[in-house]
Amino acid sequence: MSMFQVVLREGITGGIVAPTIKQVIEIRGDGTNADIRHSMLKSESKTDYLVQGGSLSTQEIQDVLVNLKQQLQQLPTEEPAGSEDIYGQDISIALLTDDFQWQNGGPEGCVGGESSRQATPEQKLKFKALVEMLVNVGQQHAVNVQ
């Protein structure tokens, strides 16, 4: 497997004022190893983050990527991109590989408007389960303060 990137961002909905990112989990690697970074907004702050890092083994990377790709292939993204948080979680997930790209929430978050595509209740549950999986990976592996 070649290069890949997984990014979870919490805090994607805004409007006139840009959204406040509450946490970011980013996993980057090449299939043989991966680095993970978990940034969490410190309480009482809008710009100061606690940043922790770590790594994942080859098997852990494969498990995460296979599960994520299989699930995301079945989920819609908003249309147009960045219009509406169709999952209602205030969270975006991006999976970028050589042969697969999927991202909800747009690069600048959701700035308002309506999406012509909506997620079903079942799709919202699948998305929520993926969020929980990625947050757990971040909590388990990003343990060194940077």
N, C-alpha and C. Protein backbone atom coordinates (compact mmCIF):
# COMPACT_ATOMS: atom_id res chain seq x y z
N MET A 1 0.86 -1.19 0.00
CA MET A 1 0.00 0.00 0.00
C MET A 1 0.89 1.23 0.00
N SER A 2 0.49 2.22 -0.76
CA SER A 2 1.25 3.45 -0.76
C SER A 2 0.73 4.41 0.30
N MET A 3 1.04 5.66 0.11
CA MET A 3 0.73 6.66 1.12
C MET A 3 -0.77 6.80 1.37
N PHE A 4 -1.10 7.11 2.62
CA PHE A 4 -2.49 7.35 2.97
C PHE A 4 -2.55 8.40 4.07
N GLN A 5 -3.74 8.99 4.21
CA GLN A 5 -3.99 9.96 5.26
C GLN A 5 -5.44 9.81 5.71
N VAL A 6 -5.62 9.79 7.03
CA VAL A 6 -6.95 9.77 7.63
C VAL A 6 -7.01 10.98 8.55
N VAL A 7 -8.07 11.77 8.43
CA VAL A 7 -8.21 12.94 9.30
C VAL A 7 -9.64 12.99 9.83
N LEU A 8 -9.77 13.08 11.15
CA LEU A 8 -11.06 13.32 11.79
C LEU A 8 -10.97 14.72 12.39
N ARG A 9 -11.94 15.56 12.09
CA ARG A 9 -12.01 16.91 12.67
C ARG A 9 -13.34 17.09 13.36
N GLU A 10 -13.30 17.49 14.61
CA GLU A 10 -14.52 17.81 15.34
C GLU A 10 -14.61 19.32 15.45
N GLY A 11 -15.76 19.86 15.06
CA GLY A 11 -15.97 21.30 15.07
C GLY A 11 -15.97 21.83 13.64
N ILE A 12 -16.91 21.33 12.83
CA ILE A 12 -16.92 21.71 11.41
C ILE A 12 -18.06 22.63 11.02
N THR A 13 -19.02 22.83 11.93
CA THR A 13 -20.16 23.66 11.55
C THR A 13 -19.94 25.10 12.00
N GLY A 14 -20.17 25.98 11.08
CA GLY A 14 -20.03 27.40 11.35
C GLY A 14 -21.16 28.14 10.68
N GLY A 15 -20.91 29.32 10.32
CA GLY A 15 -21.90 30.15 9.65
C GLY A 15 -21.17 31.41 9.26
N ILE A 16 -21.60 32.53 9.84
CA ILE A 16 -20.91 33.79 9.61
C ILE A 16 -19.51 33.71 10.24
N VAL A 17 -19.45 33.11 11.43
CA VAL A 17 -18.18 32.91 12.12
C VAL A 17 -17.66 31.52 11.75
N ALA A 18 -16.37 31.43 11.49
CA ALA A 18 -15.77 30.14 11.14
C ALA A 18 -15.91 29.15 12.30
N PRO A 19 -15.99 27.86 12.00
CA PRO A 19 -16.12 26.86 13.06
C PRO A 19 -14.87 26.81 13.94
N THR A 20 -15.06 26.40 15.20
CA THR A 20 -13.94 26.20 16.12
C THR A 20 -13.62 24.71 16.14
N ILE A 21 -12.42 24.36 15.72
CA ILE A 21 -12.00 22.96 15.71
C ILE A 21 -11.72 22.54 17.15
N LYS A 22 -12.45 21.51 17.63
CA LYS A 22 -12.30 21.04 19.01
C LYS A 22 -11.26 19.94 19.13
N GLN A 23 -11.19 19.06 18.13
CA GLN A 23 -10.15 18.05 18.13
C GLN A 23 -9.87 17.59 16.71
N VAL A 24 -8.63 17.14 16.50
CA VAL A 24 -8.21 16.60 15.21
C VAL A 24 -7.41 15.33 15.49
N ILE A 25 -7.77 14.26 14.79
CA ILE A 25 -6.99 13.03 14.83
C ILE A 25 -6.49 12.83 13.41
N GLU A 26 -5.17 12.75 13.25
CA GLU A 26 -4.59 12.59 11.92
C GLU A 26 -3.65 11.40 11.93
N ILE A 27 -3.86 10.49 10.98
CA ILE A 27 -3.01 9.32 10.82
C ILE A 27 -2.43 9.39 9.41
N ARG A 28 -1.10 9.33 9.32
CA ARG A 28 -0.42 9.37 8.02
C ARG A 28 0.56 8.21 7.97
N GLY A 29 0.66 7.60 6.81
CA GLY A 29 1.62 6.52 6.70
C GLY A 29 1.67 5.93 5.31
N ASP A 30 2.32 4.76 5.23
CA ASP A 30 2.52 4.12 3.94
C ASP A 30 2.16 2.65 3.96
N GLY A 31 1.49 2.17 4.98
CA GLY A 31 1.10 0.77 5.04
C GLY A 31 2.06 -0.09 5.82
N THR A 32 3.31 0.36 6.00
CA THR A 32 4.24 -0.39 6.83
C THR A 32 4.38 0.26 8.20
N ASN A 33 4.17 1.54 8.26
CA ASN A 33 4.09 2.21 9.56
C ASN A 33 3.26 3.47 9.40
N ALA A 34 2.78 3.96 10.52
CA ALA A 34 1.96 5.17 10.48
C ALA A 34 2.18 5.96 11.75
N ASP A 35 2.17 7.26 11.58
CA ASP A 35 2.23 8.17 12.73
C ASP A 35 0.83 8.71 12.96
N ILE A 36 0.52 8.89 14.24
CA ILE A 36 -0.79 9.42 14.60
C ILE A 36 -0.59 10.65 15.47
N ARG A 37 -1.43 11.63 15.25
CA ARG A 37 -1.38 12.86 16.04
C ARG A 37 -2.80 13.18 16.47
N HIS A 38 -2.97 13.45 17.75
CA HIS A 38 -4.29 13.76 18.31
C HIS A 38 -4.17 15.13 18.98
N SER A 39 -4.86 16.11 18.43
CA SER A 39 -4.85 17.48 18.97
C SER A 39 -6.21 17.76 19.57
N MET A 40 -6.22 18.17 20.84
CA MET A 40 -7.47 18.47 21.54
C MET A 40 -7.44 19.90 22.06
N LEU A 41 -8.50 20.64 21.79
CA LEU A 41 -8.60 22.01 22.24
C LEU A 41 -8.62 22.04 23.77
N LYS A 42 -7.74 22.86 24.35
CA LYS A 42 -7.71 22.98 25.81
C LYS A 42 -8.95 23.74 26.26
N SER A 43 -9.48 23.36 27.42
CA SER A 43 -10.67 24.05 27.93
C SER A 43 -10.33 25.52 28.15
N GLU A 44 -11.32 26.35 28.01
CA GLU A 44 -11.16 27.80 28.16
C GLU A 44 -10.33 28.42 27.04
N SER A 45 -10.11 27.71 25.94
CA SER A 45 -9.32 28.25 24.85
C SER A 45 -10.03 28.02 23.52
N LYS A 46 -9.74 28.88 22.56
CA LYS A 46 -10.25 28.69 21.20
C LYS A 46 -9.12 28.41 20.22
N THR A 47 -7.86 28.49 20.71
CA THR A 47 -6.73 28.32 19.79
C THR A 47 -5.59 27.48 20.35
N ASP A 48 -5.63 27.09 21.62
CA ASP A 48 -4.52 26.37 22.24
C ASP A 48 -4.87 24.89 22.37
N TYR A 49 -4.02 24.03 21.80
CA TYR A 49 -4.31 22.60 21.74
C TYR A 49 -3.29 21.78 22.51
N LEU A 50 -3.76 20.71 23.14
CA LEU A 50 -2.89 19.68 23.68
C LEU A 50 -2.64 18.71 22.53
N VAL A 51 -1.38 18.50 22.18
CA VAL A 51 -1.04 17.65 21.04
C VAL A 51 -0.28 16.43 21.54
N GLN A 52 -0.79 15.26 21.17
CA GLN A 52 -0.14 14.01 21.52
C GLN A 52 0.12 13.21 20.25
N GLY A 53 1.19 12.44 20.25
CA GLY A 53 1.53 11.67 19.07
C GLY A 53 1.87 10.24 19.42
N GLY A 54 2.00 9.43 18.39
CA GLY A 54 2.36 8.03 18.57
C GLY A 54 2.45 7.35 17.22
N SER A 55 2.41 6.02 17.25
CA SER A 55 2.49 5.26 16.00
C SER A 55 1.60 4.03 16.08
N LEU A 56 1.34 3.46 14.92
CA LEU A 56 0.54 2.24 14.82
C LEU A 56 1.35 1.19 14.08
N SER A 57 1.11 -0.08 14.43
CA SER A 57 1.78 -1.18 13.75
C SER A 57 1.13 -1.43 12.38
N THR A 58 1.81 -2.21 11.55
CA THR A 58 1.29 -2.54 10.23
C THR A 58 -0.10 -3.17 10.32
N GLN A 59 -0.28 -4.12 11.24
CA GLN A 59 -1.57 -4.81 11.36
C GLN A 59 -2.67 -3.84 11.81
N GLU A 60 -2.35 -2.97 12.76
CA GLU A 60 -3.34 -1.99 13.23
C GLU A 60 -3.74 -1.04 12.11
N ILE A 61 -2.77 -0.62 11.30
CA ILE A 61 -3.06 0.27 10.18
C ILE A 61 -4.00 -0.42 9.20
N GLN A 62 -3.66 -1.66 8.85
CA GLN A 62 -4.48 -2.41 7.88
C GLN A 62 -5.91 -2.56 8.38
N ASP A 63 -6.07 -2.92 9.65
CA ASP A 63 -7.41 -3.10 10.22
C ASP A 63 -8.23 -1.81 10.13
N VAL A 64 -7.62 -0.69 10.51
CA VAL A 64 -8.31 0.60 10.48
C VAL A 64 -8.68 0.98 9.05
N LEU A 65 -7.72 0.87 8.13
CA LEU A 65 -7.96 1.32 6.75
C LEU A 65 -9.00 0.46 6.04
N VAL A 66 -8.92 -0.86 6.21
CA VAL A 66 -9.89 -1.74 5.54
C VAL A 66 -11.30 -1.45 6.05
N ASN A 67 -11.47 -1.36 7.36
CA ASN A 67 -12.78 -1.08 7.94
C ASN A 67 -13.30 0.28 7.48
N LEU A 68 -12.45 1.28 7.55
CA LEU A 68 -12.85 2.64 7.18
C LEU A 68 -13.28 2.71 5.71
N LYS A 69 -12.48 2.14 4.83
CA LYS A 69 -12.80 2.20 3.40
C LYS A 69 -14.10 1.46 3.11
N GLN A 70 -14.27 0.25 3.68
CA GLN A 70 -15.50 -0.52 3.44
C GLN A 70 -16.73 0.26 3.88
N GLN A 71 -16.66 0.91 5.02
CA GLN A 71 -17.81 1.64 5.54
C GLN A 71 -18.06 2.94 4.77
N LEU A 72 -16.99 3.70 4.50
CA LEU A 72 -17.16 4.99 3.83
C LEU A 72 -17.69 4.83 2.41
N GLN A 73 -17.36 3.74 1.74
CA GLN A 73 -17.86 3.50 0.38
C GLN A 73 -19.38 3.47 0.35
N GLN A 74 -20.00 3.15 1.47
CA GLN A 74 -21.45 3.03 1.54
C GLN A 74 -22.14 4.31 2.03
N LEU A 75 -21.35 5.33 2.34
CA LEU A 75 -21.93 6.55 2.93
C LEU A 75 -21.88 7.72 1.96
N PRO A 76 -22.94 8.54 1.95
CA PRO A 76 -22.95 9.72 1.08
C PRO A 76 -22.14 10.88 1.68
N THR A 77 -21.77 11.80 0.82
CA THR A 77 -21.23 13.08 1.28
C THR A 77 -22.22 14.16 0.85
N GLU A 78 -22.14 15.31 1.49
CA GLU A 78 -23.08 16.39 1.17
C GLU A 78 -22.80 16.93 -0.23
N GLU A 79 -23.83 17.48 -0.83
CA GLU A 79 -23.72 18.05 -2.18
C GLU A 79 -24.45 19.38 -2.19
N PRO A 80 -23.80 20.52 -2.41
CA PRO A 80 -22.37 20.65 -2.69
C PRO A 80 -21.51 20.46 -1.44
N ALA A 81 -20.23 20.19 -1.66
CA ALA A 81 -19.29 19.95 -0.56
C ALA A 81 -19.27 21.14 0.39
N GLY A 82 -19.31 20.85 1.68
CA GLY A 82 -19.23 21.91 2.68
C GLY A 82 -20.52 22.65 2.94
N SER A 83 -21.62 22.18 2.36
CA SER A 83 -22.88 22.91 2.53
C SER A 83 -23.56 22.62 3.86
N GLU A 84 -23.65 21.35 4.25
CA GLU A 84 -24.45 20.97 5.42
C GLU A 84 -23.82 19.75 6.09
N ASP A 85 -23.87 19.72 7.41
CA ASP A 85 -23.40 18.56 8.17
C ASP A 85 -24.51 17.50 8.15
N ILE A 86 -24.50 16.64 7.13
CA ILE A 86 -25.61 15.70 6.94
C ILE A 86 -25.63 14.57 7.98
N TYR A 87 -24.55 14.43 8.75
CA TYR A 87 -24.52 13.39 9.79
C TYR A 87 -24.87 13.94 11.17
N GLY A 88 -24.93 15.28 11.30
CA GLY A 88 -25.34 15.89 12.56
C GLY A 88 -24.39 15.66 13.72
N GLN A 89 -23.12 15.38 13.43
CA GLN A 89 -22.14 15.09 14.48
C GLN A 89 -21.16 16.23 14.71
N ASP A 90 -21.17 17.26 13.85
CA ASP A 90 -20.19 18.34 13.89
C ASP A 90 -18.77 17.78 13.70
N ILE A 91 -18.68 16.71 12.88
CA ILE A 91 -17.41 16.00 12.67
C ILE A 91 -17.26 15.66 11.19
N SER A 92 -16.03 15.80 10.70
CA SER A 92 -15.73 15.33 9.35
C SER A 92 -14.69 14.23 9.43
N ILE A 93 -14.78 13.33 8.47
CA ILE A 93 -13.77 12.28 8.29
C ILE A 93 -13.27 12.40 6.86
N ALA A 94 -11.96 12.32 6.69
CA ALA A 94 -11.37 12.26 5.36
C ALA A 94 -10.48 11.04 5.29
N LEU A 95 -10.61 10.27 4.23
CA LEU A 95 -9.72 9.15 3.93
C LEU A 95 -9.18 9.38 2.53
N LEU A 96 -7.87 9.54 2.44
CA LEU A 96 -7.22 9.82 1.16
C LEU A 96 -6.14 8.77 0.92
N THR A 97 -6.32 7.97 -0.12
CA THR A 97 -5.33 6.98 -0.54
C THR A 97 -5.12 7.15 -2.04
N ASP A 98 -4.22 6.36 -2.60
CA ASP A 98 -3.98 6.45 -4.04
C ASP A 98 -5.22 6.09 -4.85
N ASP A 99 -6.04 5.17 -4.34
CA ASP A 99 -7.18 4.70 -5.12
C ASP A 99 -8.54 5.03 -4.53
N PHE A 100 -8.57 5.82 -3.45
CA PHE A 100 -9.85 6.11 -2.82
C PHE A 100 -9.77 7.45 -2.09
N GLN A 101 -10.73 8.33 -2.35
CA GLN A 101 -10.85 9.59 -1.62
C GLN A 101 -12.29 9.76 -1.17
N TRP A 102 -12.45 10.09 0.10
CA TRP A 102 -13.78 10.33 0.66
C TRP A 102 -13.62 11.39 1.73
N GLN A 103 -14.48 12.39 1.70
CA GLN A 103 -14.46 13.43 2.75
C GLN A 103 -15.82 14.07 2.85
N ASN A 104 -16.30 14.22 4.07
CA ASN A 104 -17.50 15.00 4.30
C ASN A 104 -17.09 16.31 4.97
N GLY A 105 -17.95 17.29 4.91
CA GLY A 105 -17.71 18.53 5.63
C GLY A 105 -16.93 19.58 4.89
N GLY A 106 -16.32 19.28 3.77
CA GLY A 106 -15.58 20.28 3.02
C GLY A 106 -14.31 20.70 3.73
N PRO A 107 -13.34 21.26 3.00
CA PRO A 107 -12.06 21.63 3.61
C PRO A 107 -12.16 22.74 4.65
N GLU A 108 -13.16 23.59 4.53
CA GLU A 108 -13.33 24.69 5.49
C GLU A 108 -14.49 24.44 6.45
N GLY A 109 -14.96 23.20 6.51
CA GLY A 109 -16.10 22.89 7.36
C GLY A 109 -17.40 23.13 6.60
N CYS A 110 -18.49 23.12 7.33
CA CYS A 110 -19.82 23.35 6.75
C CYS A 110 -20.22 24.79 7.03
N VAL A 111 -20.43 25.53 5.96
CA VAL A 111 -20.65 26.97 6.11
C VAL A 111 -22.11 27.37 5.97
N GLY A 112 -22.98 26.42 5.82
CA GLY A 112 -24.40 26.74 5.71
C GLY A 112 -24.96 26.33 4.37
N GLY A 113 -26.24 26.31 4.31
CA GLY A 113 -26.91 25.88 3.09
C GLY A 113 -27.46 24.48 3.27
N GLU A 114 -28.12 24.01 2.23
CA GLU A 114 -28.71 22.68 2.29
C GLU A 114 -28.03 21.77 1.29
N SER A 115 -27.89 20.51 1.69
CA SER A 115 -27.32 19.51 0.81
C SER A 115 -28.44 18.83 0.03
N SER A 116 -28.18 18.53 -1.23
CA SER A 116 -29.16 17.79 -2.03
C SER A 116 -29.14 16.30 -1.66
N ARG A 117 -28.09 15.86 -0.96
CA ARG A 117 -28.01 14.49 -0.46
C ARG A 117 -28.12 14.51 1.05
N GLN A 118 -28.85 13.56 1.60
CA GLN A 118 -29.00 13.45 3.05
C GLN A 118 -28.64 12.03 3.49
N ALA A 119 -28.20 11.89 4.73
CA ALA A 119 -27.89 10.58 5.29
C ALA A 119 -29.13 10.00 5.96
N THR A 120 -29.32 8.70 5.80
CA THR A 120 -30.43 8.01 6.48
C THR A 120 -30.05 7.81 7.95
N PRO A 121 -31.03 7.50 8.81
CA PRO A 121 -30.69 7.20 10.21
C PRO A 121 -29.66 6.08 10.33
N GLU A 122 -29.76 5.05 9.49
CA GLU A 122 -28.79 3.94 9.53
C GLU A 122 -27.39 4.42 9.14
N GLN A 123 -27.31 5.27 8.12
CA GLN A 123 -26.02 5.81 7.70
C GLN A 123 -25.42 6.70 8.78
N LYS A 124 -26.26 7.44 9.48
CA LYS A 124 -25.76 8.28 10.58
C LYS A 124 -25.17 7.42 11.69
N LEU A 125 -25.78 6.27 11.97
CA LEU A 125 -25.24 5.35 12.98
C LEU A 125 -23.90 4.77 12.54
N LYS A 126 -23.77 4.41 11.27
CA LYS A 126 -22.50 3.89 10.75
C LYS A 126 -21.41 4.95 10.87
N PHE A 127 -21.75 6.19 10.53
CA PHE A 127 -20.78 7.28 10.62
C PHE A 127 -20.35 7.48 12.07
N LYS A 128 -21.31 7.47 12.99
CA LYS A 128 -21.01 7.64 14.41
C LYS A 128 -20.08 6.54 14.91
N ALA A 129 -20.29 5.29 14.45
CA ALA A 129 -19.42 4.18 14.84
C ALA A 129 -18.00 4.39 14.32
N LEU A 130 -17.85 4.92 13.11
CA LEU A 130 -16.52 5.21 12.58
C LEU A 130 -15.83 6.31 13.38
N VAL A 131 -16.59 7.32 13.76
CA VAL A 131 -16.04 8.39 14.60
C VAL A 131 -15.52 7.80 15.91
N GLU A 132 -16.33 6.96 16.56
CA GLU A 132 -15.92 6.35 17.82
C GLU A 132 -14.67 5.50 17.64
N MET A 133 -14.58 4.75 16.54
CA MET A 133 -13.40 3.93 16.27
C MET A 133 -12.16 4.80 16.15
N LEU A 134 -12.24 5.88 15.38
CA LEU A 134 -11.08 6.74 15.18
C LEU A 134 -10.67 7.47 16.46
N VAL A 135 -11.65 7.91 17.25
CA VAL A 135 -11.33 8.56 18.53
C VAL A 135 -10.63 7.55 19.45
N ASN A 136 -11.11 6.30 19.48
CA ASN A 136 -10.46 5.27 20.29
C ASN A 136 -9.03 5.02 19.83
N VAL A 137 -8.80 4.96 18.52
CA VAL A 137 -7.45 4.78 17.99
C VAL A 137 -6.57 5.95 18.45
N GLY A 138 -7.09 7.16 18.37
CA GLY A 138 -6.34 8.33 18.82
C GLY A 138 -6.00 8.26 20.30
N GLN A 139 -6.96 7.86 21.11
CA GLN A 139 -6.72 7.79 22.56
C GLN A 139 -5.75 6.67 22.92
N GLN A 140 -5.79 5.57 22.18
CA GLN A 140 -4.92 4.43 22.50
C GLN A 140 -3.48 4.63 22.03
N HIS A 141 -3.29 5.30 20.89
CA HIS A 141 -1.97 5.32 20.28
C HIS A 141 -1.27 6.67 20.33
N ALA A 142 -1.99 7.75 20.44
CA ALA A 142 -1.36 9.07 20.52
C ALA A 142 -1.23 9.42 22.00
N VAL A 143 -0.15 8.94 22.61
CA VAL A 143 -0.01 9.06 24.06
C VAL A 143 1.19 9.91 24.49
N ASN A 144 2.04 10.29 23.56
CA ASN A 144 3.21 11.08 23.90
C ASN A 144 2.94 12.55 23.63
N VAL A 145 3.06 13.37 24.67
CA VAL A 145 2.81 14.81 24.51
C VAL A 145 3.90 15.39 23.61
N GLN A 146 3.48 16.21 22.65
CA GLN A 146 4.45 16.80 21.72
C GLN A 146 4.58 18.29 21.95
